[in-house]
Amino acid sequence: MHADAPDDGVRAACGPAATATSFRSDGSDLMPGKVGAGSFWKGMTDWATGTADLDTVLAKIDGSWPK
C-alpha cells in the first residue's frame, strides 16, 4: 500500500497503518480541525467527566462549525 505513496514523508506516515492488524478512525477524523480536534474533543471530554451537560456541549459543537 504505502509503496505507491508519492514521497518518503507520506510513505513514512502510511507505514504503521499499512502494517497494522487493525486501523480505527471516528467521525471526528472527517471534521474540520477546529471542530474534530477542538470543540468536539473538548465537548465530549467535558460531557464524559460531567463538567458540562449534553445540550450545552452539542450547542457549542454546532456553533463552532465553519460557516
N, C-alpha and C. Protein backbone atom coordinates (compact mmCIF):
# COMPACT_ATOMS: atom_id res chain seq x y z
N MET A 1 0.83 -1.20 0.00
CA MET A 1 0.00 0.00 0.00
C MET A 1 0.87 1.25 0.00
N HIS A 2 1.75 1.40 0.96
CA HIS A 2 2.49 2.64 1.04
C HIS A 2 3.59 2.75 -0.01
N ALA A 3 3.91 1.68 -0.73
CA ALA A 3 4.90 1.76 -1.79
C ALA A 3 4.43 2.69 -2.90
N ASP A 4 3.14 2.88 -3.03
CA ASP A 4 2.59 3.76 -4.06
C ASP A 4 2.49 5.21 -3.61
N ALA A 5 2.90 5.51 -2.39
CA ALA A 5 2.81 6.88 -1.88
C ALA A 5 3.74 7.78 -2.68
N PRO A 6 3.40 9.06 -2.81
CA PRO A 6 4.14 9.95 -3.70
C PRO A 6 5.54 10.35 -3.22
N ASP A 7 5.83 10.25 -1.93
CA ASP A 7 7.16 10.64 -1.45
C ASP A 7 7.48 9.95 -0.13
N ASP A 8 8.72 10.11 0.32
CA ASP A 8 9.18 9.42 1.53
C ASP A 8 8.39 9.83 2.77
N GLY A 9 8.00 11.09 2.87
CA GLY A 9 7.24 11.55 4.03
C GLY A 9 5.89 10.86 4.14
N VAL A 10 5.20 10.76 3.03
CA VAL A 10 3.90 10.10 3.02
C VAL A 10 4.07 8.60 3.27
N ARG A 11 5.11 7.99 2.67
CA ARG A 11 5.37 6.57 2.92
C ARG A 11 5.63 6.32 4.40
N ALA A 12 6.40 7.18 5.04
CA ALA A 12 6.69 7.02 6.47
C ALA A 12 5.42 7.15 7.30
N ALA A 13 4.56 8.08 6.94
CA ALA A 13 3.30 8.28 7.68
C ALA A 13 2.35 7.10 7.47
N CYS A 14 2.36 6.50 6.30
CA CYS A 14 1.45 5.40 5.98
C CYS A 14 1.96 4.05 6.49
N GLY A 15 3.24 3.95 6.77
CA GLY A 15 3.83 2.68 7.18
C GLY A 15 3.10 1.98 8.31
N PRO A 16 2.90 2.64 9.45
CA PRO A 16 2.22 1.97 10.56
C PRO A 16 0.81 1.50 10.20
N ALA A 17 0.09 2.28 9.44
CA ALA A 17 -1.26 1.88 9.05
C ALA A 17 -1.22 0.69 8.09
N ALA A 18 -0.23 0.66 7.23
CA ALA A 18 -0.14 -0.41 6.24
C ALA A 18 0.22 -1.74 6.88
N THR A 19 0.92 -1.71 8.00
CA THR A 19 1.35 -2.96 8.64
C THR A 19 0.52 -3.31 9.88
N ALA A 20 -0.43 -2.47 10.23
CA ALA A 20 -1.25 -2.71 11.42
C ALA A 20 -2.22 -3.86 11.20
N THR A 21 -2.58 -4.52 12.29
CA THR A 21 -3.58 -5.58 12.20
C THR A 21 -4.99 -5.00 12.33
N SER A 22 -5.09 -3.78 12.83
CA SER A 22 -6.37 -3.09 12.87
C SER A 22 -6.12 -1.60 12.71
N PHE A 23 -7.11 -0.91 12.23
CA PHE A 23 -7.00 0.53 12.00
C PHE A 23 -8.35 1.13 12.30
N ARG A 24 -8.39 2.15 13.16
CA ARG A 24 -9.66 2.74 13.56
C ARG A 24 -9.65 4.25 13.36
N SER A 25 -10.80 4.74 13.05
CA SER A 25 -11.00 6.19 13.00
C SER A 25 -12.41 6.45 13.52
N ASP A 26 -12.68 7.70 13.78
CA ASP A 26 -14.04 8.04 14.22
C ASP A 26 -14.52 9.25 13.43
N GLY A 27 -15.72 9.66 13.72
CA GLY A 27 -16.32 10.77 12.98
C GLY A 27 -15.51 12.05 13.04
N SER A 28 -14.78 12.25 14.13
CA SER A 28 -14.02 13.49 14.25
C SER A 28 -12.90 13.57 13.22
N ASP A 29 -12.46 12.44 12.68
CA ASP A 29 -11.42 12.44 11.66
C ASP A 29 -11.89 13.10 10.37
N LEU A 30 -13.18 13.16 10.16
CA LEU A 30 -13.73 13.77 8.95
C LEU A 30 -14.18 15.21 9.18
N MET A 31 -14.07 15.68 10.41
CA MET A 31 -14.49 17.05 10.73
C MET A 31 -13.33 18.02 10.52
N PRO A 32 -13.65 19.30 10.25
CA PRO A 32 -12.57 20.29 10.21
C PRO A 32 -11.81 20.27 11.53
N GLY A 33 -10.51 20.55 11.50
CA GLY A 33 -9.69 20.50 12.70
C GLY A 33 -10.24 21.30 13.87
N LYS A 34 -10.79 22.47 13.57
CA LYS A 34 -11.35 23.34 14.62
C LYS A 34 -12.46 22.62 15.39
N VAL A 35 -13.15 21.73 14.71
CA VAL A 35 -14.25 21.00 15.34
C VAL A 35 -13.74 19.67 15.89
N GLY A 36 -13.20 18.80 15.03
CA GLY A 36 -12.80 17.46 15.43
C GLY A 36 -11.77 17.42 16.54
N ALA A 37 -10.74 18.24 16.42
CA ALA A 37 -9.68 18.27 17.44
C ALA A 37 -9.90 19.40 18.44
N GLY A 38 -10.94 20.18 18.21
CA GLY A 38 -11.22 21.32 19.08
C GLY A 38 -12.49 21.15 19.87
N SER A 39 -13.56 21.74 19.38
CA SER A 39 -14.82 21.77 20.14
C SER A 39 -15.41 20.38 20.38
N PHE A 40 -15.30 19.49 19.41
CA PHE A 40 -15.85 18.14 19.60
C PHE A 40 -15.08 17.42 20.69
N TRP A 41 -13.76 17.44 20.60
CA TRP A 41 -12.93 16.75 21.59
C TRP A 41 -13.18 17.32 22.98
N LYS A 42 -13.11 18.63 23.11
CA LYS A 42 -13.32 19.25 24.42
C LYS A 42 -14.73 18.99 24.91
N GLY A 43 -15.71 19.13 24.06
CA GLY A 43 -17.10 18.93 24.46
C GLY A 43 -17.37 17.52 24.93
N MET A 44 -16.89 16.54 24.20
CA MET A 44 -17.12 15.15 24.60
C MET A 44 -16.38 14.82 25.90
N THR A 45 -15.20 15.38 26.07
CA THR A 45 -14.45 15.19 27.32
C THR A 45 -15.20 15.84 28.48
N ASP A 46 -15.68 17.05 28.28
CA ASP A 46 -16.44 17.74 29.33
C ASP A 46 -17.71 16.97 29.68
N TRP A 47 -18.40 16.47 28.66
CA TRP A 47 -19.64 15.72 28.91
C TRP A 47 -19.33 14.41 29.65
N ALA A 48 -18.28 13.70 29.22
CA ALA A 48 -17.94 12.41 29.84
C ALA A 48 -17.51 12.56 31.29
N THR A 49 -16.89 13.69 31.62
CA THR A 49 -16.45 13.90 33.00
C THR A 49 -17.51 14.57 33.86
N GLY A 50 -18.62 14.96 33.23
CA GLY A 50 -19.71 15.56 33.98
C GLY A 50 -19.56 17.05 34.23
N THR A 51 -18.61 17.69 33.55
CA THR A 51 -18.44 19.14 33.75
C THR A 51 -19.34 19.97 32.85
N ALA A 52 -20.03 19.32 31.91
CA ALA A 52 -20.97 20.03 31.05
C ALA A 52 -22.10 19.09 30.67
N ASP A 53 -23.30 19.66 30.51
CA ASP A 53 -24.44 18.83 30.11
C ASP A 53 -24.45 18.68 28.59
N LEU A 54 -25.11 17.65 28.12
CA LEU A 54 -25.09 17.30 26.70
C LEU A 54 -25.64 18.40 25.81
N ASP A 55 -26.73 19.03 26.19
CA ASP A 55 -27.31 20.09 25.35
C ASP A 55 -26.33 21.26 25.17
N THR A 56 -25.63 21.62 26.22
CA THR A 56 -24.64 22.71 26.14
C THR A 56 -23.49 22.31 25.23
N VAL A 57 -23.00 21.10 25.40
CA VAL A 57 -21.89 20.60 24.58
C VAL A 57 -22.28 20.58 23.11
N LEU A 58 -23.45 20.03 22.81
CA LEU A 58 -23.88 19.95 21.40
C LEU A 58 -24.06 21.33 20.78
N ALA A 59 -24.58 22.27 21.55
CA ALA A 59 -24.75 23.64 21.04
C ALA A 59 -23.39 24.27 20.73
N LYS A 60 -22.40 24.04 21.59
CA LYS A 60 -21.06 24.60 21.34
C LYS A 60 -20.42 23.96 20.12
N ILE A 61 -20.57 22.65 19.98
CA ILE A 61 -20.01 21.97 18.81
C ILE A 61 -20.67 22.49 17.54
N ASP A 62 -22.00 22.55 17.53
CA ASP A 62 -22.71 23.06 16.35
C ASP A 62 -22.28 24.47 16.01
N GLY A 63 -22.10 25.30 17.03
CA GLY A 63 -21.71 26.70 16.80
C GLY A 63 -20.30 26.89 16.32
N SER A 64 -19.46 25.87 16.46
CA SER A 64 -18.04 26.01 16.08
C SER A 64 -17.76 25.63 14.63
N TRP A 65 -18.75 25.06 13.95
CA TRP A 65 -18.53 24.66 12.55
C TRP A 65 -18.29 25.90 11.70
N PRO A 66 -17.32 25.82 10.77
CA PRO A 66 -17.08 26.95 9.86
C PRO A 66 -18.34 27.26 9.04
N LYS A 67 -18.54 28.50 8.79
CA LYS A 67 -19.70 28.94 8.00
C LYS A 67 -19.42 28.81 6.52
